[in-house]
Protein backbone atom coordinates (compact mmCIF):
# COMPACT_ATOMS: atom_id res chain seq x y z
CA MET A 1 5.92 34.88 32.10
CA LEU A 2 2.85 33.94 29.96
CA TYR A 3 2.70 33.65 26.15
CA PHE A 4 0.03 33.16 23.64
CA VAL A 5 1.13 31.64 20.45
CA THR A 6 -0.85 32.21 17.40
CA GLY A 7 -0.43 31.84 13.78
CA THR A 8 -1.01 33.38 10.16
CA ASP A 9 -2.94 30.15 9.30
CA THR A 10 -4.38 26.76 10.70
CA ASP A 11 -1.08 25.29 9.56
CA SER A 12 1.38 27.49 10.08
CA GLY A 13 3.24 25.22 12.74
CA LYS A 14 2.02 26.79 16.12
CA THR A 15 2.21 23.54 17.76
CA LEU A 16 5.83 22.77 16.69
CA ILE A 17 7.06 26.01 17.49
CA SER A 18 5.55 26.14 20.84
CA ALA A 19 6.78 22.62 21.60
CA ALA A 20 10.45 24.32 20.68
CA LEU A 21 10.06 27.18 22.58
CA LEU A 22 9.13 25.40 25.72
CA SER A 23 12.30 22.66 25.13
CA LYS A 24 14.25 25.62 25.67
CA ALA A 25 13.04 26.97 28.58
CA HIS A 26 14.34 26.70 31.91
CA GLY A 27 12.60 26.21 35.39
CA SER A 28 9.03 25.24 35.82
CA LYS A 29 7.08 25.18 32.63
CA CYS A 30 3.76 24.37 31.08
CA GLY A 31 2.20 24.36 27.76
CA PHE A 32 -1.69 24.69 27.42
CA LYS A 33 -3.96 23.91 24.05
CA PRO A 34 -7.49 25.10 25.26
CA ILE A 35 -9.38 24.12 22.39
CA ALA A 36 -8.84 21.26 20.13
CA SER A 37 -10.40 19.96 17.20
CA GLY A 38 -8.92 16.44 15.50
CA CYS A 39 -9.01 14.52 18.47
CA GLY A 40 -8.62 10.54 18.91
CA PHE A 41 -10.81 8.05 21.09
CA THR A 42 -8.78 6.96 23.85
CA VAL A 43 -9.59 4.84 27.05
CA GLY A 44 -8.90 8.12 29.01
CA GLY A 45 -11.41 9.90 26.32
CA LEU A 46 -10.44 12.27 23.80
CA ARG A 47 -6.62 13.18 23.15
CA ASN A 48 -5.29 15.58 20.81
CA SER A 49 -1.44 15.23 19.53
CA ASP A 50 -1.05 18.84 19.55
CA ALA A 51 -1.70 18.87 23.21
CA MET A 52 0.41 15.80 23.92
CA MET A 53 3.33 17.63 22.39
CA LEU A 54 3.05 20.15 24.50
CA MET A 55 2.70 18.16 27.68
CA ALA A 56 5.91 16.30 26.18
CA GLN A 57 7.69 19.33 27.00
CA SER A 58 6.32 20.75 29.79
CA ASN A 59 7.16 19.50 33.31
CA MET A 60 4.77 20.95 35.76
CA ASP A 61 2.74 17.26 35.65
CA LEU A 62 -0.87 19.07 35.18
CA PRO A 63 -3.45 16.28 33.99
CA TYR A 64 -4.76 16.45 30.57
CA GLN A 65 -7.82 17.66 31.31
CA VAL A 66 -6.19 20.77 32.78
CA ILE A 67 -4.15 21.36 29.38
CA ASN A 68 -6.90 20.60 27.06
CA PRO A 69 -10.14 21.23 28.39
CA ILE A 70 -11.93 21.66 25.37
CA SER A 71 -11.75 18.81 22.75
CA PHE A 72 -13.70 17.94 19.59
CA ALA A 73 -13.37 14.71 17.57
CA PRO A 74 -13.72 16.00 14.15
CA ALA A 75 -11.20 18.10 12.35
CA ILE A 76 -12.85 21.00 11.47
CA ALA A 77 -13.84 24.52 12.96
CA PRO A 78 -14.07 24.26 16.73
CA HIS A 79 -17.40 26.19 16.50
CA ILE A 80 -18.89 24.12 14.13
CA ALA A 81 -17.88 20.96 15.78
CA ALA A 82 -19.50 22.48 19.09
CA LYS A 83 -22.63 22.95 17.40
CA GLN A 84 -22.73 19.33 16.18
CA VAL A 85 -22.74 18.36 19.96
CA ASN A 86 -25.09 21.33 21.50
CA GLN A 87 -22.13 22.80 22.91
CA ALA A 88 -21.89 26.55 23.39
CA LEU A 89 -18.87 28.40 23.03
CA SER A 90 -18.10 31.72 24.50
CA ALA A 91 -15.14 34.45 25.05
CA GLN A 92 -15.81 34.47 28.83
CA GLY A 93 -16.80 30.37 28.84
CA VAL A 94 -13.13 29.71 27.27
CA LEU A 95 -11.43 31.64 29.62
CA ASP A 96 -13.13 30.31 32.42
CA ILE A 97 -12.83 26.77 31.87
CA MET A 98 -9.07 27.25 30.66
CA TYR A 99 -7.65 29.55 33.09
CA HIS A 100 -5.31 27.74 35.58
CA SER A 101 -3.04 29.31 38.20
CA ALA A 102 0.03 27.34 36.58
CA MET A 103 -0.14 29.82 33.92
CA GLN A 104 1.05 32.40 36.15
CA SER A 105 3.24 30.72 38.69
CA ALA A 106 5.28 28.82 35.96
CA ASP A 107 8.63 30.23 34.92
CA PHE A 108 7.62 29.97 31.54
CA ALA A 109 4.01 29.25 30.36
CA LEU A 110 2.28 29.46 26.88
CA ILE A 111 -1.32 28.49 25.32
CA GLU A 112 -1.31 27.82 22.13
CA GLY A 113 -4.50 29.01 20.03
CA ALA A 114 -6.20 27.32 17.61
CA GLY A 115 -6.37 28.12 13.78
CA GLY A 116 -5.46 32.15 13.20
CA TRP A 117 -6.03 35.17 15.58
CA ARG A 118 -9.59 35.40 14.44
CA LEU A 119 -10.78 31.81 15.40
CA PRO A 120 -14.67 32.15 15.46
CA LEU A 121 -16.27 31.03 18.65
CA GLY A 122 -19.75 31.53 17.34
CA ASN A 123 -22.21 34.54 18.00
CA GLY A 124 -19.91 36.98 16.75
CA GLU A 125 -17.31 36.34 19.54
CA TYR A 126 -13.61 34.79 18.87
CA LEU A 127 -10.91 33.34 20.47
CA SER A 128 -8.83 36.65 20.76
CA ASP A 129 -11.86 37.90 22.61
CA THR A 130 -11.07 35.68 25.04
CA VAL A 131 -7.37 36.59 25.30
CA LYS A 132 -8.63 40.41 25.69
CA LEU A 133 -10.08 39.15 28.76
CA LEU A 134 -7.08 37.06 30.09
CA LEU A 135 -5.38 40.05 29.89
CA ALA A 136 -8.06 42.18 31.68
CA LYS A 137 -8.10 39.29 34.43
CA LEU A 138 -4.50 39.43 35.02
CA GLN A 139 -4.16 42.73 35.14
CA LYS A 140 -6.92 43.59 37.71
CA LYS A 141 -4.87 40.97 39.81
CA GLN A 142 -1.87 43.04 39.59
CA ILE A 143 -3.38 46.09 40.41
CA THR A 144 -4.94 44.38 43.62
CA LYS A 145 -1.07 43.52 44.33
CA GLN A 146 -0.06 47.13 43.56
CA GLN A 147 1.92 45.59 40.34
CA LEU A 148 2.23 46.58 36.95
CA LEU A 149 4.18 44.02 35.00
CA PRO A 150 3.69 42.59 31.40
CA CYS A 151 1.42 39.52 32.39
CA VAL A 152 0.27 37.81 28.95
CA GLU A 153 1.90 38.72 25.48
CA VAL A 154 1.59 36.84 21.60
CA ILE A 155 4.15 35.28 19.77
CA LEU A 156 2.94 34.90 16.38
CA VAL A 157 4.08 31.84 13.81
CA VAL A 158 4.24 33.01 10.44
CA GLY A 159 3.79 29.87 8.12
CA MET A 160 6.66 30.76 5.22
CA LYS A 161 4.53 30.34 2.07
CA LEU A 162 3.10 32.45 -0.77
CA GLY A 163 0.89 35.23 0.68
CA CYS A 164 2.27 34.75 4.09
CA LEU A 165 3.39 38.86 4.02
CA ASN A 166 0.09 39.58 3.81
CA HIS A 167 -1.34 37.38 6.08
CA ALA A 168 1.65 38.31 9.06
CA LEU A 169 0.99 41.70 8.62
CA LEU A 170 -2.97 41.51 8.88
CA THR A 171 -2.52 39.19 11.64
CA GLN A 172 -0.15 41.76 13.55
CA GLU A 173 -2.53 44.52 12.77
CA ALA A 174 -5.30 42.34 14.63
CA ILE A 175 -3.13 41.91 17.47
CA LEU A 176 -1.86 45.48 18.34
CA ALA A 177 -5.54 46.58 17.45
CA ASP A 178 -6.77 44.30 20.51
CA GLY A 179 -4.45 46.05 22.67
CA LEU A 180 -1.80 43.01 23.04
CA THR A 181 1.84 43.16 23.03
CA ILE A 182 3.89 41.16 20.48
CA ALA A 183 6.55 39.51 22.07
CA GLY A 184 7.99 38.33 19.36
CA TRP A 185 7.56 36.23 15.79
CA VAL A 186 8.63 33.10 14.23
CA ALA A 187 9.31 32.44 10.61
CA ASN A 188 8.35 28.74 10.10
CA GLN A 189 8.57 27.43 6.76
CA VAL A 190 5.71 25.15 5.94
CA ASP A 191 6.07 25.10 1.91
CA ALA A 192 9.22 23.13 1.01
CA ASP A 193 9.47 24.69 -2.42
CA MET A 194 8.80 28.36 -1.12
CA THR A 195 11.12 30.60 -3.21
CA PHE A 196 12.84 33.63 -2.42
CA ILE A 197 12.78 32.68 1.03
CA ASP A 198 15.78 35.32 2.26
CA GLU A 199 14.11 37.75 0.67
CA ASN A 200 10.59 37.39 2.42
CA ILE A 201 12.28 36.96 5.79
CA ASP A 202 14.05 40.22 5.12
CA SER A 203 10.82 42.32 3.80
CA LEU A 204 9.11 40.77 7.17
CA GLN A 205 11.98 41.81 9.48
CA GLN A 206 11.21 45.26 8.14
CA MET A 207 7.61 45.31 8.69
CA MET A 208 7.03 43.40 11.87
CA ARG A 209 6.66 44.50 15.41
CA GLY A 210 8.55 42.51 17.94
CA PRO A 211 11.56 40.90 18.05
CA PHE A 212 12.22 38.14 15.50
CA LEU A 213 12.82 34.79 17.48
CA GLY A 214 13.97 33.02 14.47
CA TYR A 215 13.41 31.20 11.14
CA VAL A 216 12.80 27.21 11.11
CA PRO A 217 13.71 25.64 7.69
CA TYR A 218 11.52 23.32 6.18
CA LEU A 219 11.87 20.06 8.49
CA THR A 220 11.75 16.48 7.27
CA GLU A 221 11.90 15.10 10.65
CA PRO A 222 10.02 17.88 12.40
CA SER A 223 10.52 17.77 16.51
CA ALA A 224 10.58 20.23 19.23
CA ILE A 225 14.35 19.67 19.84
CA ASN A 226 15.33 19.97 15.86
CA ALA A 227 13.17 23.12 15.68
CA ALA A 228 14.69 24.48 18.92
CA ARG A 229 18.02 24.91 17.31
CA TYR A 230 16.90 27.93 15.22
CA LEU A 231 14.89 29.53 18.00
CA GLN A 232 15.46 31.79 20.74
CA LEU A 233 13.15 32.70 23.52
CA PRO A 234 11.36 36.04 24.05
CA ALA A 235 13.47 38.26 26.22
């Protein structure tokens, strides 16, 4: 199954949760980070710590350029970083460069987005448009094989902090309006001092669509293994 992981904000913990879910999965598994800003210079080219974290929990031995095909050095919005290097981003262009057969052949695969669901690509397009195109592409492949199975669903990471209820509901509304299915959502505490955490999670459980995959408390030593203890995989 293929999942697209998005969050309520740029610091909601998408990478931690994605890596944790990968660590729990069995069989062939891989994680992708199509667009990444804030990359460091290495002898092998630009490298992003989030993409490397996903690679550490994958087992399909894919090259870095397949995991993270679009990378920028400055830690700024990708469409602004792209403009600085005269690179155009488009929904179809991102799909063309990010799609890999492993996304369908793996037992468990996920694509981690950048920022939130409406990450701008420029010229009125968003990364969510790429996800919609991916869904249409996979559905078309299924029709030719006379199959009709879920082909890509969304996992929403809610960064638990003041204001997260509004952010979560607006993000959910946008995902559903775009025709995607929410396979599950995760409450990830990003504010160590957030009060009434249980009450906020209870409110979310009453309002969110899709299964609750778990609550990850604020971790002083965040790692895929530590976070995985609090999560369950989508059905």
